[in-house]
Amino acid sequence: MANVRDLKKDINYVLGDIIEAVYIWEYANTDKDTKKSEAIIDEAISTFDTLIAKVNDKKVDDKKAHFKAINQELETKGRALIEKINNLS
């Protein structure tokens, strides 16, 4: 990983793209209930807040391992949110 700024950008881009995908789904499916899709957006925002707070945590001994764990968590949670979008009906 290059630096903290790149990790913050990755978090922003990944979760922003997920929220955008939900909006596209809502636009394409105007006849369907949006409670589940709104829950996905709320979860993406909550994930964003959590990950950014972890990145900004200054009380870390091993920064490299800490940031690697954050990157892994972003990937895991991002995939879970994408799966939820794919399962919307």
Protein backbone atom coordinates (compact mmCIF):
# COMPACT_ATOMS: atom_id res chain seq x y z
CA MET A 1 0.00 0.00 0.00
CA ALA A 2 1.37 3.40 -0.94
CA ASN A 3 0.05 5.63 1.84
CA VAL A 4 -2.85 6.66 4.04
CA ARG A 5 -4.18 9.11 1.46
CA ASP A 6 -4.52 6.32 -1.11
CA LEU A 7 -6.29 4.09 1.41
CA LYS A 8 -8.78 6.87 2.18
CA LYS A 9 -9.36 7.37 -1.54
CA ASP A 10 -9.93 3.63 -2.01
CA ILE A 11 -12.50 3.61 0.80
CA ASN A 12 -14.24 6.61 -0.70
CA TYR A 13 -14.27 5.26 -4.26
CA VAL A 14 -15.37 1.72 -3.39
CA LEU A 15 -18.20 2.72 -1.11
CA GLY A 16 -19.19 5.63 -3.36
CA ASP A 17 -19.46 3.26 -6.32
CA ILE A 18 -21.60 0.90 -4.26
CA ILE A 19 -23.97 3.71 -3.30
CA GLU A 20 -24.10 4.81 -6.95
CA ALA A 21 -24.97 1.24 -7.99
CA VAL A 22 -27.86 1.24 -5.53
CA TYR A 23 -29.15 4.53 -6.95
CA ILE A 24 -28.94 3.10 -10.46
CA TRP A 25 -30.89 0.02 -9.32
CA GLU A 26 -33.54 2.25 -7.73
CA TYR A 27 -33.79 4.33 -10.91
CA ALA A 28 -34.15 1.22 -13.07
CA ASN A 29 -36.70 -0.35 -10.72
CA THR A 30 -39.01 2.51 -9.81
CA ASP A 31 -41.93 0.13 -9.27
CA LYS A 32 -40.15 -1.79 -6.48
CA ASP A 33 -39.90 -1.05 -2.77
CA THR A 34 -36.71 0.78 -1.82
CA LYS A 35 -36.48 -0.18 1.87
CA LYS A 36 -33.83 -2.85 1.21
CA SER A 37 -31.83 -0.61 -1.11
CA GLU A 38 -31.93 2.25 1.38
CA ALA A 39 -30.64 -0.14 4.05
CA ILE A 40 -27.69 -0.98 1.79
CA ILE A 41 -26.91 2.73 1.42
CA ASP A 42 -27.09 3.20 5.19
CA GLU A 43 -24.78 0.22 5.70
CA ALA A 44 -22.29 1.61 3.14
CA ILE A 45 -22.26 4.98 4.92
CA SER A 46 -21.79 3.29 8.29
CA THR A 47 -18.95 1.19 6.86
CA PHE A 48 -17.33 4.34 5.46
CA ASP A 49 -17.48 6.08 8.84
CA THR A 50 -16.06 3.04 10.63
CA LEU A 51 -13.18 2.52 8.22
CA ILE A 52 -12.19 6.21 8.12
CA ALA A 53 -12.20 6.27 11.93
CA LYS A 54 -9.88 3.26 11.93
CA VAL A 55 -7.56 4.91 9.40
CA ASN A 56 -7.40 8.07 11.54
CA ASP A 57 -6.65 6.12 14.74
CA LYS A 58 -3.24 7.33 15.91
CA LYS A 59 -2.84 4.79 18.75
CA VAL A 60 -1.51 1.96 16.58
CA ASP A 61 1.77 0.16 17.13
CA ASP A 62 2.16 -1.70 13.82
CA LYS A 63 0.79 0.70 11.21
CA LYS A 64 1.52 -1.53 8.24
CA ALA A 65 -0.49 -4.44 9.68
CA HIS A 66 -3.23 -2.05 10.83
CA PHE A 67 -3.69 -0.54 7.36
CA LYS A 68 -3.50 -3.94 5.71
CA ALA A 69 -6.32 -5.13 7.99
CA ILE A 70 -8.39 -2.06 7.09
CA ASN A 71 -7.83 -2.74 3.39
CA GLN A 72 -8.92 -6.35 3.89
CA GLU A 73 -12.01 -5.24 5.81
CA LEU A 74 -12.89 -2.83 2.99
CA GLU A 75 -12.66 -5.66 0.48
CA THR A 76 -14.76 -8.02 2.61
CA LYS A 77 -17.49 -5.50 3.41
CA GLY A 78 -17.50 -4.18 -0.16
CA ARG A 79 -18.06 -7.66 -1.56
CA ALA A 80 -20.87 -8.26 0.94
CA LEU A 81 -22.59 -5.02 -0.06
CA ILE A 82 -22.24 -5.85 -3.76
CA GLU A 83 -23.77 -9.25 -3.09
CA LYS A 84 -26.71 -7.55 -1.38
CA ILE A 85 -27.19 -5.29 -4.41
CA ASN A 86 -27.13 -8.32 -6.72
CA ASN A 87 -29.82 -9.98 -4.57
CA LEU A 88 -32.23 -7.04 -4.72
CA SER A 89 -35.46 -7.96 -6.39
